[in-house]
Amino acid sequence: MEKTVHIKLDRNSDLSLTEVLDKIKSLQEKNPNLDVFFDGDAYAICSRPRAKK
């Protein structure tokens, strides 16, 4: 499955972990059909469609 980058973070940013988690939570609430996650390699908040069971 292809991932979508929503927010690319600057490695020198002064964002706290709490702020990043709040952004992830907000995206999850707005898009319940997506699996939203932090991609450490891309240093970005990304998503992909949830797997259907």
PDB file of N, CA and C in Angstrom:
ATOM      1  N   MET A   1       0.839  -1.187   0.000  1.00  0.00           N
ATOM      2  CA  MET A   1       0.000   0.000   0.000  1.00  0.00           C
ATOM      3  C   MET A   1       0.881   1.246   0.000  1.00  0.00           C
ATOM      4  N   GLU A   2       0.490   2.206  -0.764  1.00  0.00           N
ATOM      5  CA  GLU A   2       1.234   3.456  -0.871  1.00  0.00           C
ATOM      6  C   GLU A   2       0.870   4.392   0.272  1.00  0.00           C
ATOM      7  N   LYS A   3       1.880   5.033   0.844  1.00  0.00           N
ATOM      8  CA  LYS A   3       1.618   5.978   1.923  1.00  0.00           C
ATOM      9  C   LYS A   3       1.500   7.389   1.357  1.00  0.00           C
ATOM     10  N   THR A   4       0.755   8.232   2.084  1.00  0.00           N
ATOM     11  CA  THR A   4       0.593   9.640   1.741  1.00  0.00           C
ATOM     12  C   THR A   4       1.258  10.471   2.834  1.00  0.00           C
ATOM     13  N   VAL A   5       2.096  11.416   2.438  1.00  0.00           N
ATOM     14  CA  VAL A   5       2.736  12.307   3.402  1.00  0.00           C
ATOM     15  C   VAL A   5       1.816  13.501   3.633  1.00  0.00           C
ATOM     16  N   HIS A   6       1.426  13.728   4.881  1.00  0.00           N
ATOM     17  CA  HIS A   6       0.555  14.853   5.220  1.00  0.00           C
ATOM     18  C   HIS A   6       1.359  16.059   5.696  1.00  0.00           C
ATOM     19  N   ILE A   7       2.327  15.805   6.571  1.00  0.00           N
ATOM     20  CA  ILE A   7       3.133  16.894   7.133  1.00  0.00           C
ATOM     21  C   ILE A   7       4.585  16.448   7.153  1.00  0.00           C
ATOM     22  N   LYS A   8       5.430  17.154   6.418  1.00  0.00           N
ATOM     23  CA  LYS A   8       6.871  16.899   6.434  1.00  0.00           C
ATOM     24  C   LYS A   8       7.469  17.782   7.530  1.00  0.00           C
ATOM     25  N   LEU A   9       8.139  17.158   8.503  1.00  0.00           N
ATOM     26  CA  LEU A   9       8.691  17.897   9.633  1.00  0.00           C
ATOM     27  C   LEU A   9      10.158  18.237   9.387  1.00  0.00           C
ATOM     28  N   ASP A  10      10.552  19.399   9.857  1.00  0.00           N
ATOM     29  CA  ASP A  10      11.943  19.825   9.799  1.00  0.00           C
ATOM     30  C   ASP A  10      12.678  19.198  10.982  1.00  0.00           C
ATOM     31  N   ARG A  11      13.800  18.567  10.728  1.00  0.00           N
ATOM     32  CA  ARG A  11      14.540  17.907  11.813  1.00  0.00           C
ATOM     33  C   ARG A  11      15.013  18.894  12.872  1.00  0.00           C
ATOM     34  N   ASN A  12      15.122  20.159  12.521  1.00  0.00           N
ATOM     35  CA  ASN A  12      15.554  21.182  13.473  1.00  0.00           C
ATOM     36  C   ASN A  12      14.375  21.930  14.090  1.00  0.00           C
ATOM     37  N   SER A  13      13.173  21.422  13.868  1.00  0.00           N
ATOM     38  CA  SER A  13      11.961  22.057  14.382  1.00  0.00           C
ATOM     39  C   SER A  13      11.931  22.009  15.904  1.00  0.00           C
ATOM     40  N   ASP A  14      11.252  22.985  16.489  1.00  0.00           N
ATOM     41  CA  ASP A  14      11.116  22.996  17.941  1.00  0.00           C
ATOM     42  C   ASP A  14       9.783  22.404  18.393  1.00  0.00           C
ATOM     43  N   LEU A  15       9.117  21.627  17.513  1.00  0.00           N
ATOM     44  CA  LEU A  15       7.872  20.964  17.887  1.00  0.00           C
ATOM     45  C   LEU A  15       8.157  19.917  18.960  1.00  0.00           C
ATOM     46  N   SER A  16       7.291  19.857  19.946  1.00  0.00           N
ATOM     47  CA  SER A  16       7.442  18.841  20.981  1.00  0.00           C
ATOM     48  C   SER A  16       6.762  17.548  20.523  1.00  0.00           C
ATOM     49  N   LEU A  17       7.068  16.476  21.200  1.00  0.00           N
ATOM     50  CA  LEU A  17       6.438  15.196  20.889  1.00  0.00           C
ATOM     51  C   LEU A  17       4.928  15.297  21.081  1.00  0.00           C
ATOM     52  N   THR A  18       4.495  16.006  22.109  1.00  0.00           N
ATOM     53  CA  THR A  18       3.065  16.187  22.358  1.00  0.00           C
ATOM     54  C   THR A  18       2.391  16.880  21.181  1.00  0.00           C
ATOM     55  N   GLU A  19       3.030  17.883  20.610  1.00  0.00           N
ATOM     56  CA  GLU A  19       2.457  18.598  19.456  1.00  0.00           C
ATOM     57  C   GLU A  19       2.359  17.683  18.234  1.00  0.00           C
ATOM     58  N   VAL A  20       3.366  16.861  18.016  1.00  0.00           N
ATOM     59  CA  VAL A  20       3.333  15.912  16.894  1.00  0.00           C
ATOM     60  C   VAL A  20       2.204  14.905  17.103  1.00  0.00           C
ATOM     61  N   LEU A  21       2.084  14.374  18.320  1.00  0.00           N
ATOM     62  CA  LEU A  21       1.017  13.416  18.612  1.00  0.00           C
ATOM     63  C   LEU A  21      -0.362  14.050  18.475  1.00  0.00           C
ATOM     64  N   ASP A  22      -0.497  15.323  18.844  1.00  0.00           N
ATOM     65  CA  ASP A  22      -1.772  16.028  18.674  1.00  0.00           C
ATOM     66  C   ASP A  22      -2.128  16.159  17.198  1.00  0.00           C
ATOM     67  N   LYS A  23      -1.136  16.415  16.352  1.00  0.00           N
ATOM     68  CA  LYS A  23      -1.379  16.513  14.912  1.00  0.00           C
ATOM     69  C   LYS A  23      -1.815  15.160  14.351  1.00  0.00           C
ATOM     70  N   ILE A  24      -1.179  14.090  14.818  1.00  0.00           N
ATOM     71  CA  ILE A  24      -1.560  12.741  14.380  1.00  0.00           C
ATOM     72  C   ILE A  24      -2.986  12.434  14.819  1.00  0.00           C
ATOM     73  N   LYS A  25      -3.304  12.746  16.069  1.00  0.00           N
ATOM     74  CA  LYS A  25      -4.657  12.489  16.588  1.00  0.00           C
ATOM     75  C   LYS A  25      -5.705  13.265  15.794  1.00  0.00           C
ATOM     76  N   SER A  26      -5.412  14.518  15.476  1.00  0.00           N
ATOM     77  CA  SER A  26      -6.334  15.344  14.704  1.00  0.00           C
ATOM     78  C   SER A  26      -6.583  14.747  13.320  1.00  0.00           C
ATOM     79  N   LEU A  27      -5.520  14.310  12.667  1.00  0.00           N
ATOM     80  CA  LEU A  27      -5.670  13.689  11.342  1.00  0.00           C
ATOM     81  C   LEU A  27      -6.473  12.388  11.431  1.00  0.00           C
ATOM     82  N   GLN A  28      -6.244  11.602  12.496  1.00  0.00           N
ATOM     83  CA  GLN A  28      -6.994  10.354  12.668  1.00  0.00           C
ATOM     84  C   GLN A  28      -8.484  10.622  12.857  1.00  0.00           C
ATOM     85  N   GLU A  29      -8.799  11.671  13.633  1.00  0.00           N
ATOM     86  CA  GLU A  29     -10.207  11.999  13.875  1.00  0.00           C
ATOM     87  C   GLU A  29     -10.893  12.481  12.602  1.00  0.00           C
ATOM     88  N   LYS A  30     -10.181  13.217  11.776  1.00  0.00           N
ATOM     89  CA  LYS A  30     -10.753  13.737  10.533  1.00  0.00           C
ATOM     90  C   LYS A  30     -10.829  12.669   9.441  1.00  0.00           C
ATOM     91  N   ASN A  31     -10.002  11.630   9.556  1.00  0.00           N
ATOM     92  CA  ASN A  31      -9.924  10.586   8.526  1.00  0.00           C
ATOM     93  C   ASN A  31      -9.946   9.200   9.167  1.00  0.00           C
ATOM     94  N   PRO A  32     -11.118   8.753   9.660  1.00  0.00           N
ATOM     95  CA  PRO A  32     -11.171   7.466  10.363  1.00  0.00           C
ATOM     96  C   PRO A  32     -10.864   6.264   9.470  1.00  0.00           C
ATOM     97  N   ASN A  33     -10.888   6.445   8.161  1.00  0.00           N
ATOM     98  CA  ASN A  33     -10.605   5.342   7.248  1.00  0.00           C
ATOM     99  C   ASN A  33      -9.110   5.209   6.948  1.00  0.00           C
ATOM    100  N   LEU A  34      -8.277   6.085   7.563  1.00  0.00           N
ATOM    101  CA  LEU A  34      -6.838   6.051   7.330  1.00  0.00           C
ATOM    102  C   LEU A  34      -6.088   5.619   8.589  1.00  0.00           C
ATOM    103  N   ASP A  35      -4.983   4.928   8.384  1.00  0.00           N
ATOM    104  CA  ASP A  35      -4.063   4.591   9.455  1.00  0.00           C
ATOM    105  C   ASP A  35      -2.984   5.667   9.438  1.00  0.00           C
ATOM    106  N   VAL A  36      -3.010   6.595  10.397  1.00  0.00           N
ATOM    107  CA  VAL A  36      -2.088   7.730  10.446  1.00  0.00           C
ATOM    108  C   VAL A  36      -0.923   7.362  11.363  1.00  0.00           C
ATOM    109  N   PHE A  37       0.305   7.663  10.925  1.00  0.00           N
ATOM    110  CA  PHE A  37       1.484   7.274  11.690  1.00  0.00           C
ATOM    111  C   PHE A  37       2.637   8.231  11.432  1.00  0.00           C
ATOM    112  N   PHE A  38       3.643   8.172  12.315  1.00  0.00           N
ATOM    113  CA  PHE A  38       4.852   8.955  12.140  1.00  0.00           C
ATOM    114  C   PHE A  38       5.882   8.064  11.457  1.00  0.00           C
ATOM    115  N   ASP A  39       6.395   8.494  10.322  1.00  0.00           N
ATOM    116  CA  ASP A  39       7.423   7.762   9.596  1.00  0.00           C
ATOM    117  C   ASP A  39       8.778   8.369   9.957  1.00  0.00           C
ATOM    118  N   GLY A  40       9.548   7.649  10.757  1.00  0.00           N
ATOM    119  CA  GLY A  40      10.836   8.147  11.220  1.00  0.00           C
ATOM    120  C   GLY A  40      11.864   8.287  10.110  1.00  0.00           C
ATOM    121  N   ASP A  41      11.803   7.435   9.093  1.00  0.00           N
ATOM    122  CA  ASP A  41      12.757   7.538   7.980  1.00  0.00           C
ATOM    123  C   ASP A  41      12.507   8.797   7.165  1.00  0.00           C
ATOM    124  N   ALA A  42      11.242   9.105   6.904  1.00  0.00           N
ATOM    125  CA  ALA A  42      10.881  10.298   6.123  1.00  0.00           C
ATOM    126  C   ALA A  42      10.749  11.524   7.019  1.00  0.00           C
ATOM    127  N   TYR A  43      10.724  11.320   8.327  1.00  0.00           N
ATOM    128  CA  TYR A  43      10.507  12.369   9.323  1.00  0.00           C
ATOM    129  C   TYR A  43       9.252  13.161   8.958  1.00  0.00           C
ATOM    130  N   ALA A  44       8.150  12.409   8.845  1.00  0.00           N
ATOM    131  CA  ALA A  44       6.893  12.995   8.397  1.00  0.00           C
ATOM    132  C   ALA A  44       5.716  12.249   9.016  1.00  0.00           C
ATOM    133  N   ILE A  45       4.576  12.951   9.068  1.00  0.00           N
ATOM    134  CA  ILE A  45       3.316  12.325   9.471  1.00  0.00           C
ATOM    135  C   ILE A  45       2.662  11.835   8.182  1.00  0.00           C
ATOM    136  N   CYS A  46       2.407  10.541   8.138  1.00  0.00           N
ATOM    137  CA  CYS A  46       1.911   9.911   6.920  1.00  0.00           C
ATOM    138  C   CYS A  46       0.645   9.109   7.221  1.00  0.00           C
ATOM    139  N   SER A  47       0.038   8.606   6.148  1.00  0.00           N
ATOM    140  CA  SER A  47      -1.116   7.725   6.323  1.00  0.00           C
ATOM    141  C   SER A  47      -1.186   6.763   5.157  1.00  0.00           C
ATOM    142  N   ARG A  48      -1.990   5.736   5.376  1.00  0.00           N
ATOM    143  CA  ARG A  48      -2.346   4.805   4.303  1.00  0.00           C
ATOM    144  C   ARG A  48      -3.734   4.282   4.628  1.00  0.00           C
ATOM    145  N   PRO A  49      -4.454   3.827   3.628  1.00  0.00           N
ATOM    146  CA  PRO A  49      -5.798   3.302   3.899  1.00  0.00           C
ATOM    147  C   PRO A  49      -5.730   2.116   4.864  1.00  0.00           C
ATOM    148  N   ARG A  50      -6.716   2.039   5.745  1.00  0.00           N
ATOM    149  CA  ARG A  50      -6.768   0.917   6.685  1.00  0.00           C
ATOM    150  C   ARG A  50      -7.029  -0.372   5.908  1.00  0.00           C
ATOM    151  N   ALA A  51      -6.410  -1.431   6.352  1.00  0.00           N
ATOM    152  CA  ALA A  51      -6.630  -2.744   5.727  1.00  0.00           C
ATOM    153  C   ALA A  51      -8.048  -3.212   6.023  1.00  0.00           C
ATOM    154  N   LYS A  52      -8.702  -3.720   5.005  1.00  0.00           N
ATOM    155  CA  LYS A  52     -10.072  -4.239   5.194  1.00  0.00           C
ATOM    156  C   LYS A  52      -9.990  -5.660   5.682  1.00  0.00           C
ATOM    157  N   LYS A  53     -10.833  -5.988   6.666  1.00  0.00           N
ATOM    158  CA  LYS A  53     -10.816  -7.334   7.266  1.00  0.00           C
ATOM    159  C   LYS A  53     -11.845  -8.211   6.630  1.00  0.00           C
TER     160      LYS A  53
END
